[in-house]
Protein backbone atom coordinates (compact mmCIF):
# COMPACT_ATOMS: atom_id res chain seq x y z
CA UNK A 1 0.00 0.00 0.00
CA UNK A 2 2.84 2.39 0.87
CA UNK A 3 4.52 1.61 -2.44
CA UNK A 4 1.32 2.41 -4.30
CA UNK A 5 0.99 5.76 -2.51
CA UNK A 6 4.65 6.57 -3.23
CA UNK A 7 4.24 5.76 -6.93
CA UNK A 8 1.14 7.95 -7.10
CA UNK A 9 2.99 10.83 -5.44
CA UNK A 10 5.89 10.44 -7.83
CA UNK A 11 3.60 10.45 -10.86
CA UNK A 12 1.84 13.57 -9.58
CA UNK A 13 5.18 15.31 -9.13
CA UNK A 14 6.31 14.34 -12.61
CA UNK A 15 3.03 15.46 -14.20
CA UNK A 16 1.75 18.52 -12.36
CA UNK A 17 -0.95 19.11 -14.95
CA UNK A 18 -3.14 16.85 -12.83
CA UNK A 19 -2.60 19.05 -9.78
CA UNK A 20 -4.04 21.98 -11.67
CA UNK A 21 -7.33 20.23 -12.28
CA UNK A 22 -10.38 21.08 -10.22
CA UNK A 23 -10.97 17.45 -9.17
CA UNK A 24 -8.35 16.21 -6.68
CA UNK A 25 -9.22 12.58 -7.35
CA UNK A 26 -7.93 12.59 -10.94
CA UNK A 27 -6.92 9.09 -12.10
CA UNK A 28 -3.48 8.04 -13.41
CA UNK A 29 -5.03 7.53 -16.84
CA UNK A 30 -6.28 11.10 -16.97
CA UNK A 31 -2.88 12.33 -15.76
CA UNK A 32 -1.19 10.58 -18.68
CA UNK A 33 -3.76 11.98 -21.07
CA UNK A 34 -3.08 15.48 -19.77
CA UNK A 35 0.65 15.03 -20.27
CA UNK A 36 0.17 13.85 -23.83
CA UNK A 37 -2.22 16.70 -24.53
CA UNK A 38 0.38 19.24 -23.39
CA UNK A 39 3.50 18.81 -25.54
CA UNK A 40 4.85 22.13 -24.24
CA UNK A 41 5.36 20.41 -20.88
CA UNK A 42 8.00 18.02 -22.23
CA UNK A 43 10.68 20.71 -22.26
CA UNK A 44 9.81 21.84 -18.72
CA UNK A 45 9.90 18.24 -17.48
CA UNK A 46 13.33 17.68 -19.01
CA UNK A 47 14.78 20.94 -17.76
CA UNK A 48 13.78 20.36 -14.12
CA UNK A 49 15.65 17.03 -13.87
CA UNK A 50 18.47 17.14 -11.28
CA UNK A 51 22.00 16.09 -12.22
CA UNK A 52 21.87 12.46 -11.08
CA UNK A 53 23.88 9.46 -12.29
CA UNK A 54 21.29 8.73 -14.98
CA UNK A 55 21.73 12.18 -16.55
CA UNK A 56 25.51 12.05 -16.35
CA UNK A 57 25.52 8.56 -17.85
CA UNK A 58 23.83 9.89 -21.00
CA UNK A 59 26.33 12.75 -21.16
CA UNK A 60 29.28 10.37 -20.67
CA UNK A 61 28.09 7.98 -23.38
CA UNK A 62 27.85 10.80 -25.90
CA UNK A 63 31.22 12.09 -24.70
CA UNK A 64 32.85 8.71 -25.32
CA UNK A 65 31.50 8.79 -28.87
CA UNK A 66 32.98 12.27 -29.21
CA UNK A 67 36.37 10.96 -28.01
CA UNK A 68 36.62 8.48 -30.87
CA UNK A 69 35.35 11.05 -33.33
CA UNK A 70 38.00 13.60 -32.34
CA UNK A 71 40.68 10.93 -32.46
CA UNK A 72 39.84 10.36 -36.12
CA UNK A 73 39.46 14.07 -36.83
CA UNK A 74 42.65 15.29 -35.14
CA UNK A 75 45.24 12.67 -36.04
CA UNK A 76 45.64 14.50 -39.39
CA UNK A 77 48.43 16.81 -38.24
CA UNK A 78 50.17 14.16 -36.17
CA UNK A 79 50.52 11.59 -38.95
CA UNK A 80 51.45 14.20 -41.58
CA UNK A 81 55.23 13.94 -40.89
CA UNK A 82 54.94 10.15 -41.29
CA UNK A 83 53.13 10.51 -44.61
CA UNK A 84 55.94 12.79 -45.79
CA UNK A 85 58.58 10.42 -44.45
CA UNK A 86 57.00 7.47 -46.32
CA UNK A 87 57.07 9.44 -49.58
CA UNK A 88 53.30 9.55 -50.09
CA UNK A 89 52.98 13.30 -49.50
CA UNK A 90 55.26 16.35 -49.63
CA UNK A 91 55.39 19.05 -46.90
CA UNK A 92 54.63 21.89 -49.33
CA UNK A 93 53.07 22.05 -52.79
CA UNK A 94 54.50 23.49 -56.03
CA UNK A 95 51.26 25.42 -56.68
CA UNK A 96 48.50 26.83 -54.51
CA UNK A 97 46.19 23.83 -55.00
CA UNK A 98 48.63 20.97 -55.49
CA UNK A 99 47.28 17.48 -54.73
CA UNK A 100 50.45 15.77 -53.55
CA UNK A 101 51.18 17.76 -50.38
CA UNK A 102 50.07 17.69 -46.76
CA UNK A 103 47.64 20.51 -47.59
CA UNK A 104 45.73 18.24 -49.98
CA UNK A 105 45.36 15.59 -47.25
CA UNK A 106 43.97 18.19 -44.84
CA UNK A 107 41.76 19.62 -47.60
CA UNK A 108 40.36 16.16 -48.40
CA UNK A 109 39.27 15.74 -44.77
CA UNK A 110 37.59 19.12 -44.62
CA UNK A 111 35.97 18.69 -48.04
CA UNK A 112 34.36 15.54 -46.65
CA UNK A 113 33.38 17.36 -43.46
CA UNK A 114 31.80 20.10 -45.58
CA UNK A 115 29.72 17.65 -47.61
CA UNK A 116 28.79 15.68 -44.49
CA UNK A 117 27.58 18.71 -42.58
CA UNK A 118 25.86 20.70 -45.36
CA UNK A 119 24.35 17.84 -47.37
CA UNK A 120 23.77 15.18 -44.70
CA UNK A 121 22.99 17.21 -41.58
CA UNK A 122 19.27 16.74 -42.28
CA UNK A 123 19.59 12.99 -41.61
CA UNK A 124 19.48 13.43 -37.83
CA UNK A 125 16.38 15.64 -38.18
CA UNK A 126 14.69 13.08 -40.39
CA UNK A 127 15.70 9.70 -38.93
CA UNK A 128 16.48 10.60 -35.33
CA UNK A 129 19.51 11.41 -33.25
CA UNK A 130 20.10 7.87 -32.01
CA UNK A 131 20.15 6.10 -35.39
CA UNK A 132 22.44 8.61 -37.10
CA UNK A 133 24.80 8.72 -34.12
CA UNK A 134 25.28 4.96 -34.52
CA UNK A 135 25.58 4.60 -38.29
CA UNK A 136 27.78 7.61 -38.97
CA UNK A 137 30.35 6.22 -36.53
CA UNK A 138 30.46 2.92 -38.41
CA UNK A 139 30.76 4.87 -41.65
CA UNK A 140 33.91 6.80 -40.81
CA UNK A 141 35.59 3.88 -39.05
CA UNK A 142 35.22 1.74 -42.20
CA UNK A 143 36.55 4.54 -44.43
CA UNK A 144 39.57 5.16 -42.19
CA UNK A 145 40.40 1.46 -42.20
CA UNK A 146 40.48 1.50 -45.99
CA UNK A 147 42.60 4.67 -45.99
CA UNK A 148 45.24 3.06 -43.76
CA UNK A 149 46.23 0.66 -46.54
CA UNK A 150 46.67 3.18 -49.36
CA UNK A 151 50.04 3.98 -50.96
CA UNK A 152 49.24 6.89 -53.28
CA UNK A 153 48.26 10.47 -52.55
CA UNK A 154 45.12 10.18 -54.69
CA UNK A 155 43.75 7.09 -52.95
CA UNK A 156 44.74 8.39 -49.54
CA UNK A 157 42.89 11.66 -50.12
CA UNK A 158 39.85 9.92 -51.60
CA UNK A 159 39.30 7.76 -48.52
CA UNK A 160 40.02 10.68 -46.20
CA UNK A 161 37.24 12.54 -47.99
CA UNK A 162 34.81 9.66 -47.41
CA UNK A 163 35.72 9.37 -43.73
CA UNK A 164 35.33 13.15 -43.40
CA UNK A 165 31.72 12.89 -44.56
CA UNK A 166 30.92 10.44 -41.75
CA UNK A 167 32.74 12.55 -39.16
CA UNK A 168 30.86 15.65 -40.34
CA UNK A 169 27.48 13.98 -39.82
CA UNK A 170 28.57 12.70 -36.40
CA UNK A 171 29.78 16.11 -35.21
CA UNK A 172 26.41 17.70 -35.88
CA UNK A 173 24.46 14.77 -34.43
CA UNK A 174 26.34 14.58 -31.13
CA UNK A 175 25.94 18.29 -30.47
CA UNK A 176 22.24 18.23 -31.28
CA UNK A 177 21.66 15.06 -29.24
CA UNK A 178 23.48 16.43 -26.19
CA UNK A 179 21.75 19.82 -26.24
CA UNK A 180 18.33 18.13 -26.28
CA UNK A 181 19.00 15.63 -23.48
CA UNK A 182 20.84 17.89 -21.02
CA UNK A 183 18.64 20.01 -18.68
CA UNK A 184 19.07 23.75 -19.21
CA UNK A 185 20.83 24.26 -15.86
CA UNK A 186 23.42 21.71 -16.93
CA UNK A 187 23.74 22.35 -20.66
CA UNK A 188 26.98 24.34 -20.64
CA UNK A 189 28.66 21.95 -18.21
CA UNK A 190 27.44 18.96 -20.23
CA UNK A 191 29.25 20.29 -23.30
CA UNK A 192 32.32 21.07 -21.17
CA UNK A 193 32.45 17.47 -19.92
CA UNK A 194 31.80 16.12 -23.41
CA UNK A 195 34.67 18.12 -24.84
CA UNK A 196 36.97 17.33 -21.90
CA UNK A 197 36.56 13.64 -22.62
CA UNK A 198 36.62 14.21 -26.38
CA UNK A 199 39.80 16.26 -26.33
CA UNK A 200 41.50 13.60 -24.21
CA UNK A 201 41.95 12.03 -27.64
CA UNK A 202 44.55 14.71 -28.43
CA UNK A 203 47.24 13.56 -25.98
CA UNK A 204 46.38 9.96 -26.84
CA UNK A 205 46.86 10.44 -30.58
CA UNK A 206 49.90 12.67 -29.97
CA UNK A 207 51.54 10.05 -27.75
CA UNK A 208 50.76 7.21 -30.17
CA UNK A 209 52.14 9.29 -33.06
CA UNK A 210 55.30 10.12 -31.13
CA UNK A 211 55.85 6.42 -30.45
CA UNK A 212 54.72 4.97 -33.78
CA UNK A 213 55.13 7.49 -36.63
CA UNK A 214 58.97 7.43 -36.71
CA UNK A 215 58.89 3.60 -36.68
CA UNK A 216 57.37 0.70 -38.61
CA UNK A 217 56.14 -1.96 -36.13
CA UNK A 218 55.76 -5.37 -37.77
CA UNK A 219 56.86 -3.80 -41.06
CA UNK A 220 53.80 -1.52 -41.24
CA UNK A 221 54.37 2.25 -41.33
CA UNK A 222 53.70 3.83 -37.95
CA UNK A 223 51.17 6.30 -39.32
CA UNK A 224 49.04 3.37 -40.49
CA UNK A 225 48.95 1.99 -36.93
CA UNK A 226 47.77 5.37 -35.61
CA UNK A 227 44.90 5.39 -38.13
CA UNK A 228 43.91 1.76 -37.50
CA UNK A 229 43.82 2.16 -33.73
CA UNK A 230 40.97 4.66 -34.15
CA UNK A 231 38.81 1.77 -35.34
CA UNK A 232 38.44 0.60 -31.74
CA UNK A 233 35.40 2.89 -31.58
CA UNK A 234 33.46 0.41 -33.72
CA UNK A 235 33.51 -2.04 -30.81
CA UNK A 236 31.45 0.39 -28.71
CA UNK A 237 28.77 1.22 -31.26
CA UNK A 238 26.13 -1.23 -30.11
CA UNK A 239 26.83 -0.46 -26.46
CA UNK A 240 26.07 3.19 -27.22
CA UNK A 241 22.95 2.28 -29.13
CA UNK A 242 21.56 0.06 -26.37
CA UNK A 243 22.04 2.64 -23.61
CA UNK A 244 21.03 5.87 -25.33
CA UNK A 245 17.33 6.83 -25.63
CA UNK A 246 15.96 8.80 -28.53
CA UNK A 247 15.60 12.53 -27.88
CA UNK A 248 12.10 13.27 -26.50
CA UNK A 249 12.30 16.70 -28.09
CA UNK A 250 12.92 15.15 -31.51
CA UNK A 251 10.07 12.66 -31.05
CA UNK A 252 7.79 15.53 -30.09
CA UNK A 253 8.81 17.51 -33.19
CA UNK A 254 7.67 14.53 -35.28
CA UNK A 255 4.28 14.36 -33.56
CA UNK A 256 5.22 11.13 -31.76
CA UNK A 257 3.94 12.43 -28.44
CA UNK A 258 3.27 9.07 -26.83
CA UNK A 259 6.82 7.85 -27.55
CA UNK A 260 8.26 11.12 -26.24
CA UNK A 261 6.26 10.77 -23.05
CA UNK A 262 7.29 7.12 -22.63
CA UNK A 263 11.01 7.90 -23.05
CA UNK A 264 10.78 10.83 -20.68
CA UNK A 265 8.70 8.94 -18.12
CA UNK A 266 11.32 6.16 -18.00
CA UNK A 267 14.10 8.71 -17.54
CA UNK A 268 12.11 10.53 -14.83
CA UNK A 269 11.54 7.29 -12.92
CA UNK A 270 15.25 6.43 -13.02
CA UNK A 271 16.27 9.93 -11.96
CA UNK A 272 13.68 9.96 -9.15
CA UNK A 273 14.99 6.67 -7.71
CA UNK A 274 18.52 8.04 -7.67
CA UNK A 275 17.42 11.44 -6.37
CA UNK A 276 15.76 9.78 -3.37
CA UNK A 277 12.76 12.10 -3.27
CA UNK A 278 10.01 13.49 -5.48
CA UNK A 279 11.39 15.42 -8.43
CA UNK A 280 11.11 19.20 -8.44
CA UNK A 281 7.93 20.46 -10.05
CA UNK A 282 8.41 21.56 -13.67
CA UNK A 283 8.52 25.29 -14.27
CA UNK A 284 6.01 27.09 -16.46
CA UNK A 285 5.46 25.37 -19.77
CA UNK A 286 7.79 26.64 -22.47
CA UNK A 287 6.50 27.83 -25.84
CA UNK A 288 5.40 24.97 -28.05
CA UNK A 289 8.30 23.70 -30.22
CA UNK A 290 8.25 25.87 -33.30
CA UNK A 291 7.71 24.18 -36.65
CA UNK A 292 10.33 25.39 -39.07
CA UNK A 293 11.88 24.55 -42.42
CA UNK A 294 15.24 25.31 -43.99
CA UNK A 295 13.79 28.52 -45.47
CA UNK A 296 13.08 29.82 -41.96
CA UNK A 297 16.82 30.14 -41.38
CA UNK A 298 16.64 33.22 -43.59
CA UNK A 299 13.75 34.85 -41.74
CA UNK A 300 13.70 36.71 -38.43
CA UNK A 301 14.87 35.90 -35.80
CA UNK A 302 17.12 33.24 -37.36
CA UNK A 303 18.52 35.23 -40.30
CA UNK A 304 20.91 37.34 -38.22
CA UNK A 305 21.99 34.28 -36.25
CA UNK A 306 22.68 32.35 -39.43
CA UNK A 307 24.78 35.15 -40.92
CA UNK A 308 26.67 35.59 -37.65
CA UNK A 309 27.50 31.89 -37.41
CA UNK A 310 28.59 31.69 -41.06
CA UNK A 311 31.10 34.51 -40.53
CA UNK A 312 32.20 33.00 -37.23
CA UNK A 313 32.78 29.53 -38.68
CA UNK A 314 34.64 30.75 -41.74
CA UNK A 315 37.27 32.33 -39.49
CA UNK A 316 37.31 30.31 -36.25
CA UNK A 317 38.50 27.27 -38.21
CA UNK A 318 41.61 29.15 -39.29
CA UNK A 319 42.57 29.72 -35.68
CA UNK A 320 41.71 26.27 -34.35
CA UNK A 321 42.85 23.93 -37.10
CA UNK A 322 45.52 26.31 -38.36
CA UNK A 323 47.37 25.49 -35.17
CA UNK A 324 46.13 21.97 -34.33
CA UNK A 325 46.71 20.48 -37.79
CA UNK A 326 49.91 22.33 -38.60
CA UNK A 327 51.91 22.57 -35.38
CA UNK A 328 54.15 19.50 -36.02
CA UNK A 329 54.88 20.73 -39.56
CA UNK A 330 55.45 24.32 -38.37
CA UNK A 331 57.99 23.10 -35.82
CA UNK A 332 59.79 20.99 -38.41
CA UNK A 333 59.89 24.06 -40.67
CA UNK A 334 61.67 25.91 -37.85
CA UNK A 335 64.45 23.31 -37.91
CA UNK A 336 63.19 20.95 -35.19
CA UNK A 337 63.46 17.23 -35.98
CA UNK A 338 60.38 15.11 -36.61
CA UNK A 339 60.87 13.17 -33.37
CA UNK A 340 61.36 16.33 -31.25
CA UNK A 341 58.43 18.02 -32.98
CA UNK A 342 56.15 15.11 -32.09
CA UNK A 343 57.48 15.14 -28.51
CA UNK A 344 56.65 18.85 -28.16
CA UNK A 345 53.20 18.37 -29.62
CA UNK A 346 52.59 15.43 -27.28
CA UNK A 347 53.30 17.68 -24.29
CA UNK A 348 51.15 20.47 -25.77
CA UNK A 349 48.42 17.91 -26.49
CA UNK A 350 48.18 17.10 -22.78
CA UNK A 351 46.54 20.51 -22.35
CA UNK A 352 43.74 19.73 -24.83
CA UNK A 353 41.23 18.31 -22.31
CA UNK A 354 42.21 20.89 -19.67
CA UNK A 355 40.57 23.73 -21.65
CA UNK A 356 37.01 22.38 -21.44
CA UNK A 357 37.78 21.01 -17.96
CA UNK A 358 38.46 24.58 -16.80
CA UNK A 359 35.43 25.60 -18.81
CA UNK A 360 33.26 23.36 -16.61
CA UNK A 361 33.54 26.00 -13.88
CA UNK A 362 32.53 28.90 -16.13
CA UNK A 363 30.18 27.17 -18.59
CA UNK A 364 26.90 28.04 -16.85
CA UNK A 365 28.15 31.22 -15.13
CA UNK A 366 29.17 33.46 -18.02
CA UNK A 367 27.48 34.26 -21.32
CA UNK A 368 28.74 32.00 -24.12
CA UNK A 369 29.46 34.95 -26.42
CA UNK A 370 31.69 36.67 -23.86
CA UNK A 371 33.76 33.52 -23.33
CA UNK A 372 34.30 33.13 -27.10
CA UNK A 373 35.44 36.74 -27.51
CA UNK A 374 37.87 36.54 -24.57
CA UNK A 375 39.47 33.31 -25.71
CA UNK A 376 39.81 34.58 -29.30
CA UNK A 377 41.82 37.52 -27.93
CA UNK A 378 44.08 35.10 -26.00
CA UNK A 379 44.56 33.10 -29.21
CA UNK A 380 45.78 36.20 -31.08
CA UNK A 381 48.34 37.19 -28.44
CA UNK A 382 49.65 33.65 -27.88
CA UNK A 383 49.85 32.85 -31.59
CA UNK A 384 51.90 35.89 -32.50
CA UNK A 385 54.26 35.18 -29.59
CA UNK A 386 54.54 31.50 -30.66
CA UNK A 387 55.76 32.57 -34.08
CA UNK A 388 58.76 34.24 -32.41
CA UNK A 389 59.54 31.46 -29.91
CA UNK A 390 62.74 29.45 -30.10
CA UNK A 391 63.29 27.72 -26.76
CA UNK A 392 61.55 24.45 -25.96
CA UNK A 393 59.98 25.82 -22.77
CA UNK A 394 58.54 28.87 -24.54
CA UNK A 395 57.22 26.79 -27.46
CA UNK A 396 55.46 24.39 -25.10
CA UNK A 397 54.05 27.14 -22.83
CA UNK A 398 52.62 29.16 -25.72
CA UNK A 399 51.38 25.99 -27.40
CA UNK A 400 49.50 25.12 -24.21
CA UNK A 401 47.89 28.59 -24.11
CA UNK A 402 46.83 28.27 -27.76
CA UNK A 403 45.39 24.83 -27.07
CA UNK A 404 43.48 26.00 -23.98
CA UNK A 405 42.03 29.01 -25.79
CA UNK A 406 41.04 26.98 -28.84
CA UNK A 407 39.36 24.23 -26.88
CA UNK A 408 37.43 26.60 -24.60
CA UNK A 409 36.15 28.34 -27.73
CA UNK A 410 35.24 24.93 -29.16
CA UNK A 411 33.09 23.63 -26.31
CA UNK A 412 31.46 27.05 -25.91
CA UNK A 413 30.39 27.48 -29.53
CA UNK A 414 29.24 23.87 -29.76
CA UNK A 415 26.83 24.69 -26.93
CA UNK A 416 25.96 28.10 -28.33
CA UNK A 417 25.07 27.19 -31.91
CA UNK A 418 22.76 24.37 -30.79
CA UNK A 419 20.77 26.85 -28.69
CA UNK A 420 19.94 29.21 -31.56
CA UNK A 421 17.58 27.05 -33.68
CA UNK A 422 14.33 25.11 -33.08
CA UNK A 423 14.31 21.33 -32.66
CA UNK A 424 12.65 20.62 -36.01
CA UNK A 425 15.65 22.02 -37.95
CA UNK A 426 18.38 22.03 -35.27
CA UNK A 427 20.66 19.43 -36.86
CA UNK A 428 20.07 20.73 -40.40
CA UNK A 429 20.61 24.39 -39.46
CA UNK A 430 23.70 23.72 -37.35
CA UNK A 431 25.02 21.44 -40.08
CA UNK A 432 24.59 24.24 -42.62
CA UNK A 433 26.37 26.96 -40.63
CA UNK A 434 28.98 24.51 -39.38
CA UNK A 435 29.73 23.42 -42.93
CA UNK A 436 31.22 26.84 -43.64
CA UNK A 437 34.01 26.05 -41.19
CA UNK A 438 34.78 22.93 -43.21
CA UNK A 439 34.76 24.83 -46.50
CA UNK A 440 36.99 27.45 -44.91
CA UNK A 441 39.41 24.77 -43.72
CA UNK A 442 39.72 23.37 -47.24
CA UNK A 443 40.98 26.68 -48.60
CA UNK A 444 42.78 27.90 -45.48
CA UNK A 445 44.94 24.76 -45.44
CA UNK A 446 46.25 25.69 -48.90
CA UNK A 447 46.66 29.34 -47.86
CA UNK A 448 48.61 28.30 -44.76
CA UNK A 449 50.83 26.04 -46.89
CA UNK A 450 51.42 28.94 -49.28
CA UNK A 451 52.11 31.38 -46.41
CA UNK A 452 54.47 28.89 -44.77
CA UNK A 453 56.43 28.52 -48.00
CA UNK A 454 56.72 32.25 -48.82
CA UNK A 455 56.40 34.03 -45.44
CA UNK A 456 57.43 31.43 -42.89
CA UNK A 457 55.86 30.68 -39.52
CA UNK A 458 55.33 34.38 -38.77
CA UNK A 459 53.20 34.79 -41.88
CA UNK A 460 51.03 31.84 -40.83
CA UNK A 461 50.27 33.35 -37.42
CA UNK A 462 49.57 36.82 -38.81
CA UNK A 463 46.94 35.18 -41.04
CA UNK A 464 45.51 33.35 -38.00
CA UNK A 465 45.44 36.53 -35.89
CA UNK A 466 43.46 38.44 -38.52
CA UNK A 467 40.93 35.61 -38.69
CA UNK A 468 40.44 35.53 -34.92
CA UNK A 469 39.84 39.29 -34.88
CA UNK A 470 36.87 38.71 -37.20
CA UNK A 471 35.64 35.98 -34.84
CA UNK A 472 35.62 38.51 -32.00
CA UNK A 473 33.69 41.07 -34.04
CA UNK A 474 31.03 38.69 -35.38
CA UNK A 475 30.15 37.08 -32.04
CA UNK A 476 30.69 40.19 -29.93
CA UNK A 477 28.46 42.44 -32.05
CA UNK A 478 25.78 40.04 -33.33
CA UNK A 479 25.52 37.19 -30.81
CA UNK A 480 22.34 36.93 -28.65
CA UNK A 481 22.43 35.98 -24.96
CA UNK A 482 21.38 32.41 -24.10
CA UNK A 483 22.60 31.64 -20.58
CA UNK A 484 20.07 29.82 -18.37
CA UNK A 485 17.25 29.81 -20.94
CA UNK A 486 15.37 26.80 -22.29
CA UNK A 487 15.98 25.76 -25.89
CA UNK A 488 12.39 26.54 -26.76
CA UNK A 489 12.45 30.08 -25.35
CA UNK A 490 15.73 30.91 -27.12
CA UNK A 491 14.60 29.61 -30.49
CA UNK A 492 10.95 30.71 -30.38
């Protein structure tokens, strides 16, 4: 009898619509009907959930997927010296758009990322966050495995393009998925944790490259081992799929109200058991999820946000990947040996997860736009100083600052851009604006190679500094405030 009363109390707390009715003796069936009749309450029910083990488990599962994704995305710069050493690629190119240099390998990745984000971002909006999260991971793992056995620049770049498409879809899907599952009071910290775990891949891939790239274990070039080890993520795919629910917000946007309620009810019950008491009452119902199409991105209030994010992404990529993908090559260009260059970048790479880890303490305290502007300024100062550095200690210290600034910007804008669009087009819209960073990276990699050849390391960092100044202006002048607001209220 006590258990029955406790279950009834818990259901009433989870579904306060029944408490608003005139009849106090409302049945459980009518409570469920009220919940299904009030889709606007789904957001409020999600956002009131406390940060229990169940919520953090979802965040950690998505973060583990992000780890493997970043491993595959960021090994590009670390294996580049090995690709040059094996004779497949050259460090510079004879012309601006040569296809035999390191720049073409980087460009192939970002061309794939561009196609994956702009042309395939809609998949998560159409088929669901859970399904696309699973299949895009299998996609890029298979492509990378094929790439590891290529011996020509053309074949290498072709498979890197294919893997880039899968990574591009996954990047958009994980961000969308996480933003919709994390309660609003936890959203910034959820992205900080996700990126902390994700960027732990940087020291891992840096260490493996340091150990393997200069060697050929079992007669296989070390860079091939680095690529193949990323395929471990495939072993976790079905574990992810079994333990991740579909996004209730996405189900609701498709009119699948009963499924959304069932998923949320199961999550509420688990959270309530761990919380040890009745859940907090949901706040006022948020605006109903807005129905939108791709064309709505070019209408108020989304038009200014779309233009802002396009400008931001075109130039933030220059700062982030201009350093991350090129630092081993830049150091070699300064006369440092391949082995020492990889050692330095391994030490610098240890700082990669520290940026978002520090960001955990500021994520839900300061406006996202202010954090981005501040870290872009730090990137400019540190980058220009790095171009003048000569001692090992100075190189590592400035490299750490650049890494911290870049990764704090990264976790912050991944949170920020997901907040600016409605659920019905969130993945598609973010994929579209995000794709501009990929297109930018395709061309900026060739520009950096050209600048490195004709103007040296200083020229590269002057180009990066100018780009980060435009990042500061676009976000600082055009970015809306989002801190502490529900997704629905921001995007309504």
